[in-house]
Amino acid sequence: MEIAIAITLGITEVAKRIGLKERYAPVVALLVGLLSVYLTVEGASINELIVDGITVGLSAMGLWSGTKALAGK
């Protein structure tokens, strides 16, 4: 799941750099997190996929905001 967090963070950042408004970044992170878990996890129920996808999206958002806060930006 760690790789899904990194991929989600990277895709969200790319989307922001090509013009996505900052306020839509959390929605994109959640959607990318759901998609990445759906594509990489086999044999899980739909409920597990949704929870894991939301966890990945929220983790990517938290990693980004935590890093930004530490950098003082």
PDB file of N, CA and C in Angstrom:
ATOM      1  N   MET A   1       0.825  -1.194   0.000  1.00  0.00           N
ATOM      2  CA  MET A   1       0.000   0.000   0.000  1.00  0.00           C
ATOM      3  C   MET A   1       0.873   1.262   0.000  1.00  0.00           C
ATOM      4  N   GLU A   2       2.121   1.142   0.460  1.00  0.00           N
ATOM      5  CA  GLU A   2       2.990   2.317   0.503  1.00  0.00           C
ATOM      6  C   GLU A   2       3.246   2.890  -0.884  1.00  0.00           C
ATOM      7  N   ILE A   3       3.403   1.996  -1.855  1.00  0.00           N
ATOM      8  CA  ILE A   3       3.641   2.469  -3.212  1.00  0.00           C
ATOM      9  C   ILE A   3       2.415   3.192  -3.757  1.00  0.00           C
ATOM     10  N   ALA A   4       1.224   2.755  -3.370  1.00  0.00           N
ATOM     11  CA  ALA A   4       0.004   3.421  -3.816  1.00  0.00           C
ATOM     12  C   ALA A   4      -0.069   4.845  -3.260  1.00  0.00           C
ATOM     13  N   ILE A   5       0.416   5.039  -2.029  1.00  0.00           N
ATOM     14  CA  ILE A   5       0.436   6.377  -1.435  1.00  0.00           C
ATOM     15  C   ILE A   5       1.375   7.275  -2.220  1.00  0.00           C
ATOM     16  N   ALA A   6       2.556   6.767  -2.545  1.00  0.00           N
ATOM     17  CA  ALA A   6       3.530   7.564  -3.300  1.00  0.00           C
ATOM     18  C   ALA A   6       3.005   7.897  -4.696  1.00  0.00           C
ATOM     19  N   ILE A   7       2.392   6.936  -5.339  1.00  0.00           N
ATOM     20  CA  ILE A   7       1.833   7.170  -6.672  1.00  0.00           C
ATOM     21  C   ILE A   7       0.709   8.198  -6.599  1.00  0.00           C
ATOM     22  N   THR A   8      -0.146   8.067  -5.607  1.00  0.00           N
ATOM     23  CA  THR A   8      -1.249   9.017  -5.435  1.00  0.00           C
ATOM     24  C   THR A   8      -0.719  10.424  -5.203  1.00  0.00           C
ATOM     25  N   LEU A   9       0.284  10.543  -4.359  1.00  0.00           N
ATOM     26  CA  LEU A   9       0.894  11.848  -4.092  1.00  0.00           C
ATOM     27  C   LEU A   9       1.485  12.443  -5.365  1.00  0.00           C
ATOM     28  N   GLY A  10       2.193  11.615  -6.132  1.00  0.00           N
ATOM     29  CA  GLY A  10       2.811  12.096  -7.369  1.00  0.00           C
ATOM     30  C   GLY A  10       1.803  12.519  -8.417  1.00  0.00           C
ATOM     31  N   ILE A  11       0.770  11.728  -8.621  1.00  0.00           N
ATOM     32  CA  ILE A  11      -0.241  12.067  -9.628  1.00  0.00           C
ATOM     33  C   ILE A  11      -1.008  13.321  -9.228  1.00  0.00           C
ATOM     34  N   THR A  12      -1.292  13.459  -7.948  1.00  0.00           N
ATOM     35  CA  THR A  12      -1.986  14.654  -7.477  1.00  0.00           C
ATOM     36  C   THR A  12      -1.123  15.892  -7.684  1.00  0.00           C
ATOM     37  N   GLU A  13       0.160  15.777  -7.421  1.00  0.00           N
ATOM     38  CA  GLU A  13       1.066  16.915  -7.618  1.00  0.00           C
ATOM     39  C   GLU A  13       1.173  17.274  -9.100  1.00  0.00           C
ATOM     40  N   VAL A  14       1.242  16.281  -9.956  1.00  0.00           N
ATOM     41  CA  VAL A  14       1.283  16.545 -11.405  1.00  0.00           C
ATOM     42  C   VAL A  14       0.006  17.267 -11.839  1.00  0.00           C
ATOM     43  N   ALA A  15      -1.124  16.816 -11.320  1.00  0.00           N
ATOM     44  CA  ALA A  15      -2.401  17.459 -11.670  1.00  0.00           C
ATOM     45  C   ALA A  15      -2.411  18.923 -11.233  1.00  0.00           C
ATOM     46  N   LYS A  16      -1.849  19.210 -10.062  1.00  0.00           N
ATOM     47  CA  LYS A  16      -1.806  20.596  -9.596  1.00  0.00           C
ATOM     48  C   LYS A  16      -0.888  21.443 -10.464  1.00  0.00           C
ATOM     49  N   ARG A  17       0.213  20.864 -10.895  1.00  0.00           N
ATOM     50  CA  ARG A  17       1.162  21.626 -11.712  1.00  0.00           C
ATOM     51  C   ARG A  17       0.654  21.892 -13.126  1.00  0.00           C
ATOM     52  N   ILE A  18      -0.291  21.076 -13.604  1.00  0.00           N
ATOM     53  CA  ILE A  18      -0.821  21.336 -14.944  1.00  0.00           C
ATOM     54  C   ILE A  18      -2.113  22.138 -14.905  1.00  0.00           C
ATOM     55  N   GLY A  19      -2.463  22.643 -13.711  1.00  0.00           N
ATOM     56  CA  GLY A  19      -3.576  23.576 -13.670  1.00  0.00           C
ATOM     57  C   GLY A  19      -4.712  23.262 -12.721  1.00  0.00           C
ATOM     58  N   LEU A  20      -4.665  22.154 -12.020  1.00  0.00           N
ATOM     59  CA  LEU A  20      -5.727  21.830 -11.073  1.00  0.00           C
ATOM     60  C   LEU A  20      -5.699  22.823  -9.920  1.00  0.00           C
ATOM     61  N   LYS A  21      -6.858  23.365  -9.575  1.00  0.00           N
ATOM     62  CA  LYS A  21      -6.929  24.289  -8.449  1.00  0.00           C
ATOM     63  C   LYS A  21      -6.640  23.532  -7.158  1.00  0.00           C
ATOM     64  N   GLU A  22      -5.937  24.202  -6.259  1.00  0.00           N
ATOM     65  CA  GLU A  22      -5.500  23.598  -4.995  1.00  0.00           C
ATOM     66  C   GLU A  22      -6.665  22.994  -4.203  1.00  0.00           C
ATOM     67  N   ARG A  23      -7.810  23.631  -4.261  1.00  0.00           N
ATOM     68  CA  ARG A  23      -8.934  23.156  -3.453  1.00  0.00           C
ATOM     69  C   ARG A  23      -9.513  21.828  -3.953  1.00  0.00           C
ATOM     70  N   TYR A  24      -9.208  21.447  -5.187  1.00  0.00           N
ATOM     71  CA  TYR A  24      -9.688  20.175  -5.719  1.00  0.00           C
ATOM     72  C   TYR A  24      -8.690  19.031  -5.518  1.00  0.00           C
ATOM     73  N   ALA A  25      -7.517  19.324  -5.014  1.00  0.00           N
ATOM     74  CA  ALA A  25      -6.476  18.310  -4.830  1.00  0.00           C
ATOM     75  C   ALA A  25      -6.925  17.169  -3.915  1.00  0.00           C
ATOM     76  N   PRO A  26      -7.614  17.424  -2.802  1.00  0.00           N
ATOM     77  CA  PRO A  26      -8.055  16.297  -1.971  1.00  0.00           C
ATOM     78  C   PRO A  26      -9.003  15.340  -2.693  1.00  0.00           C
ATOM     79  N   VAL A  27      -9.874  15.872  -3.521  1.00  0.00           N
ATOM     80  CA  VAL A  27     -10.806  15.025  -4.276  1.00  0.00           C
ATOM     81  C   VAL A  27     -10.034  14.155  -5.264  1.00  0.00           C
ATOM     82  N   VAL A  28      -9.068  14.756  -5.939  1.00  0.00           N
ATOM     83  CA  VAL A  28      -8.244  14.004  -6.887  1.00  0.00           C
ATOM     84  C   VAL A  28      -7.447  12.931  -6.147  1.00  0.00           C
ATOM     85  N   ALA A  29      -6.894  13.271  -4.988  1.00  0.00           N
ATOM     86  CA  ALA A  29      -6.125  12.292  -4.209  1.00  0.00           C
ATOM     87  C   ALA A  29      -6.996  11.112  -3.789  1.00  0.00           C
ATOM     88  N   LEU A  30      -8.217  11.389  -3.373  1.00  0.00           N
ATOM     89  CA  LEU A  30      -9.118  10.291  -2.997  1.00  0.00           C
ATOM     90  C   LEU A  30      -9.464   9.415  -4.193  1.00  0.00           C
ATOM     91  N   LEU A  31      -9.749  10.030  -5.325  1.00  0.00           N
ATOM     92  CA  LEU A  31     -10.094   9.258  -6.520  1.00  0.00           C
ATOM     93  C   LEU A  31      -8.912   8.425  -7.016  1.00  0.00           C
ATOM     94  N   VAL A  32      -7.738   9.017  -7.021  1.00  0.00           N
ATOM     95  CA  VAL A  32      -6.547   8.280  -7.450  1.00  0.00           C
ATOM     96  C   VAL A  32      -6.235   7.165  -6.454  1.00  0.00           C
ATOM     97  N   GLY A  33      -6.426   7.427  -5.165  1.00  0.00           N
ATOM     98  CA  GLY A  33      -6.224   6.394  -4.159  1.00  0.00           C
ATOM     99  C   GLY A  33      -7.167   5.220  -4.359  1.00  0.00           C
ATOM    100  N   LEU A  34      -8.433   5.513  -4.602  1.00  0.00           N
ATOM    101  CA  LEU A  34      -9.410   4.443  -4.870  1.00  0.00           C
ATOM    102  C   LEU A  34      -9.028   3.649  -6.109  1.00  0.00           C
ATOM    103  N   LEU A  35      -8.651   4.348  -7.156  1.00  0.00           N
ATOM    104  CA  LEU A  35      -8.288   3.681  -8.412  1.00  0.00           C
ATOM    105  C   LEU A  35      -7.026   2.833  -8.249  1.00  0.00           C
ATOM    106  N   SER A  36      -6.032   3.368  -7.567  1.00  0.00           N
ATOM    107  CA  SER A  36      -4.786   2.612  -7.410  1.00  0.00           C
ATOM    108  C   SER A  36      -4.993   1.347  -6.596  1.00  0.00           C
ATOM    109  N   VAL A  37      -5.803   1.421  -5.556  1.00  0.00           N
ATOM    110  CA  VAL A  37      -6.087   0.221  -4.761  1.00  0.00           C
ATOM    111  C   VAL A  37      -6.905  -0.770  -5.580  1.00  0.00           C
ATOM    112  N   TYR A  38      -7.867  -0.286  -6.320  1.00  0.00           N
ATOM    113  CA  TYR A  38      -8.689  -1.161  -7.159  1.00  0.00           C
ATOM    114  C   TYR A  38      -7.825  -1.925  -8.166  1.00  0.00           C
ATOM    115  N   LEU A  39      -6.838  -1.238  -8.728  1.00  0.00           N
ATOM    116  CA  LEU A  39      -5.994  -1.864  -9.747  1.00  0.00           C
ATOM    117  C   LEU A  39      -4.923  -2.785  -9.174  1.00  0.00           C
ATOM    118  N   THR A  40      -4.558  -2.612  -7.912  1.00  0.00           N
ATOM    119  CA  THR A  40      -3.440  -3.386  -7.370  1.00  0.00           C
ATOM    120  C   THR A  40      -3.835  -4.481  -6.387  1.00  0.00           C
ATOM    121  N   VAL A  41      -5.015  -4.419  -5.805  1.00  0.00           N
ATOM    122  CA  VAL A  41      -5.409  -5.404  -4.805  1.00  0.00           C
ATOM    123  C   VAL A  41      -6.360  -6.415  -5.442  1.00  0.00           C
ATOM    124  N   GLU A  42      -6.018  -7.682  -5.291  1.00  0.00           N
ATOM    125  CA  GLU A  42      -6.866  -8.742  -5.856  1.00  0.00           C
ATOM    126  C   GLU A  42      -7.564  -9.502  -4.740  1.00  0.00           C
ATOM    127  N   GLY A  43      -8.762  -9.921  -5.001  1.00  0.00           N
ATOM    128  CA  GLY A  43      -9.480 -10.777  -4.076  1.00  0.00           C
ATOM    129  C   GLY A  43     -10.098 -10.085  -2.871  1.00  0.00           C
ATOM    130  N   ALA A  44     -10.148  -8.784  -2.875  1.00  0.00           N
ATOM    131  CA  ALA A  44     -10.732  -8.055  -1.753  1.00  0.00           C
ATOM    132  C   ALA A  44     -12.187  -7.713  -2.067  1.00  0.00           C
ATOM    133  N   SER A  45     -12.974  -7.569  -1.012  1.00  0.00           N
ATOM    134  CA  SER A  45     -14.370  -7.170  -1.204  1.00  0.00           C
ATOM    135  C   SER A  45     -14.430  -5.687  -1.560  1.00  0.00           C
ATOM    136  N   ILE A  46     -15.550  -5.264  -2.064  1.00  0.00           N
ATOM    137  CA  ILE A  46     -15.714  -3.862  -2.440  1.00  0.00           C
ATOM    138  C   ILE A  46     -15.563  -2.946  -1.231  1.00  0.00           C
ATOM    139  N   ASN A  47     -16.031  -3.388  -0.070  1.00  0.00           N
ATOM    140  CA  ASN A  47     -15.885  -2.578   1.148  1.00  0.00           C
ATOM    141  C   ASN A  47     -14.418  -2.393   1.526  1.00  0.00           C
ATOM    142  N   GLU A  48     -13.634  -3.465   1.411  1.00  0.00           N
ATOM    143  CA  GLU A  48     -12.204  -3.373   1.708  1.00  0.00           C
ATOM    144  C   GLU A  48     -11.494  -2.455   0.720  1.00  0.00           C
ATOM    145  N   LEU A  49     -11.860  -2.546  -0.549  1.00  0.00           N
ATOM    146  CA  LEU A  49     -11.255  -1.686  -1.563  1.00  0.00           C
ATOM    147  C   LEU A  49     -11.555  -0.219  -1.290  1.00  0.00           C
ATOM    148  N   ILE A  50     -12.783   0.076  -0.916  1.00  0.00           N
ATOM    149  CA  ILE A  50     -13.162   1.463  -0.649  1.00  0.00           C
ATOM    150  C   ILE A  50     -12.413   2.008   0.564  1.00  0.00           C
ATOM    151  N   VAL A  51     -12.383   1.225   1.638  1.00  0.00           N
ATOM    152  CA  VAL A  51     -11.685   1.681   2.852  1.00  0.00           C
ATOM    153  C   VAL A  51     -10.193   1.857   2.575  1.00  0.00           C
ATOM    154  N   ASP A  52      -9.583   0.898   1.897  1.00  0.00           N
ATOM    155  CA  ASP A  52      -8.165   1.007   1.584  1.00  0.00           C
ATOM    156  C   ASP A  52      -7.885   2.181   0.641  1.00  0.00           C
ATOM    157  N   GLY A  53      -8.752   2.397  -0.337  1.00  0.00           N
ATOM    158  CA  GLY A  53      -8.577   3.519  -1.265  1.00  0.00           C
ATOM    159  C   GLY A  53      -8.679   4.858  -0.565  1.00  0.00           C
ATOM    160  N   ILE A  54      -9.637   4.980   0.331  1.00  0.00           N
ATOM    161  CA  ILE A  54      -9.776   6.225   1.099  1.00  0.00           C
ATOM    162  C   ILE A  54      -8.561   6.416   1.999  1.00  0.00           C
ATOM    163  N   THR A  55      -8.079   5.327   2.589  1.00  0.00           N
ATOM    164  CA  THR A  55      -6.892   5.407   3.436  1.00  0.00           C
ATOM    165  C   THR A  55      -5.679   5.884   2.647  1.00  0.00           C
ATOM    166  N   VAL A  56      -5.516   5.369   1.448  1.00  0.00           N
ATOM    167  CA  VAL A  56      -4.395   5.791   0.597  1.00  0.00           C
ATOM    168  C   VAL A  56      -4.519   7.263   0.243  1.00  0.00           C
ATOM    169  N   GLY A  57      -5.706   7.700  -0.173  1.00  0.00           N
ATOM    170  CA  GLY A  57      -5.908   9.105  -0.530  1.00  0.00           C
ATOM    171  C   GLY A  57      -5.665  10.042   0.638  1.00  0.00           C
ATOM    172  N   LEU A  58      -6.194   9.694   1.798  1.00  0.00           N
ATOM    173  CA  LEU A  58      -5.997  10.535   2.985  1.00  0.00           C
ATOM    174  C   LEU A  58      -4.540  10.527   3.435  1.00  0.00           C
ATOM    175  N   SER A  59      -3.871   9.397   3.314  1.00  0.00           N
ATOM    176  CA  SER A  59      -2.455   9.325   3.678  1.00  0.00           C
ATOM    177  C   SER A  59      -1.610  10.209   2.771  1.00  0.00           C
ATOM    178  N   ALA A  60      -1.912  10.192   1.497  1.00  0.00           N
ATOM    179  CA  ALA A  60      -1.167  11.047   0.557  1.00  0.00           C
ATOM    180  C   ALA A  60      -1.388  12.519   0.874  1.00  0.00           C
ATOM    181  N   MET A  61      -2.627  12.887   1.194  1.00  0.00           N
ATOM    182  CA  MET A  61      -2.904  14.289   1.542  1.00  0.00           C
ATOM    183  C   MET A  61      -2.192  14.679   2.826  1.00  0.00           C
ATOM    184  N   GLY A  62      -2.188  13.789   3.814  1.00  0.00           N
ATOM    185  CA  GLY A  62      -1.519  14.082   5.076  1.00  0.00           C
ATOM    186  C   GLY A  62      -0.019  14.178   4.918  1.00  0.00           C
ATOM    187  N   LEU A  63       0.560  13.309   4.097  1.00  0.00           N
ATOM    188  CA  LEU A  63       1.991  13.361   3.838  1.00  0.00           C
ATOM    189  C   LEU A  63       2.366  14.689   3.194  1.00  0.00           C
ATOM    190  N   TRP A  64       1.554  15.133   2.235  1.00  0.00           N
ATOM    191  CA  TRP A  64       1.823  16.389   1.552  1.00  0.00           C
ATOM    192  C   TRP A  64       1.714  17.570   2.507  1.00  0.00           C
ATOM    193  N   SER A  65       0.635  17.660   3.274  1.00  0.00           N
ATOM    194  CA  SER A  65       0.449  18.813   4.156  1.00  0.00           C
ATOM    195  C   SER A  65       1.449  18.798   5.306  1.00  0.00           C
ATOM    196  N   GLY A  66       1.812  17.608   5.787  1.00  0.00           N
ATOM    197  CA  GLY A  66       2.811  17.530   6.845  1.00  0.00           C
ATOM    198  C   GLY A  66       4.179  17.986   6.374  1.00  0.00           C
ATOM    199  N   THR A  67       4.548  17.566   5.175  1.00  0.00           N
ATOM    200  CA  THR A  67       5.834  17.994   4.605  1.00  0.00           C
ATOM    201  C   THR A  67       5.839  19.492   4.360  1.00  0.00           C
ATOM    202  N   LYS A  68       4.722  20.007   3.864  1.00  0.00           N
ATOM    203  CA  LYS A  68       4.613  21.435   3.604  1.00  0.00           C
ATOM    204  C   LYS A  68       4.721  22.233   4.914  1.00  0.00           C
ATOM    205  N   ALA A  69       4.106  21.736   5.971  1.00  0.00           N
ATOM    206  CA  ALA A  69       4.171  22.428   7.261  1.00  0.00           C
ATOM    207  C   ALA A  69       5.589  22.419   7.827  1.00  0.00           C
ATOM    208  N   LEU A  70       6.285  21.305   7.683  1.00  0.00           N
ATOM    209  CA  LEU A  70       7.657  21.232   8.166  1.00  0.00           C
ATOM    210  C   LEU A  70       8.587  22.154   7.378  1.00  0.00           C
ATOM    211  N   ALA A  71       8.313  22.286   6.092  1.00  0.00           N
ATOM    212  CA  ALA A  71       9.150  23.156   5.249  1.00  0.00           C
ATOM    213  C   ALA A  71       8.822  24.626   5.476  1.00  0.00           C
ATOM    214  N   GLY A  72       7.705  24.904   6.130  1.00  0.00           N
ATOM    215  CA  GLY A  72       7.349  26.288   6.426  1.00  0.00           C
ATOM    216  C   GLY A  72       6.749  27.034   5.265  1.00  0.00           C
ATOM    217  N   LYS A  73       6.129  26.331   4.361  1.00  0.00           N
ATOM    218  CA  LYS A  73       5.531  26.997   3.186  1.00  0.00           C
ATOM    219  C   LYS A  73       4.067  27.221   3.390  1.00  0.00           C
TER     220      LYS A  73
END
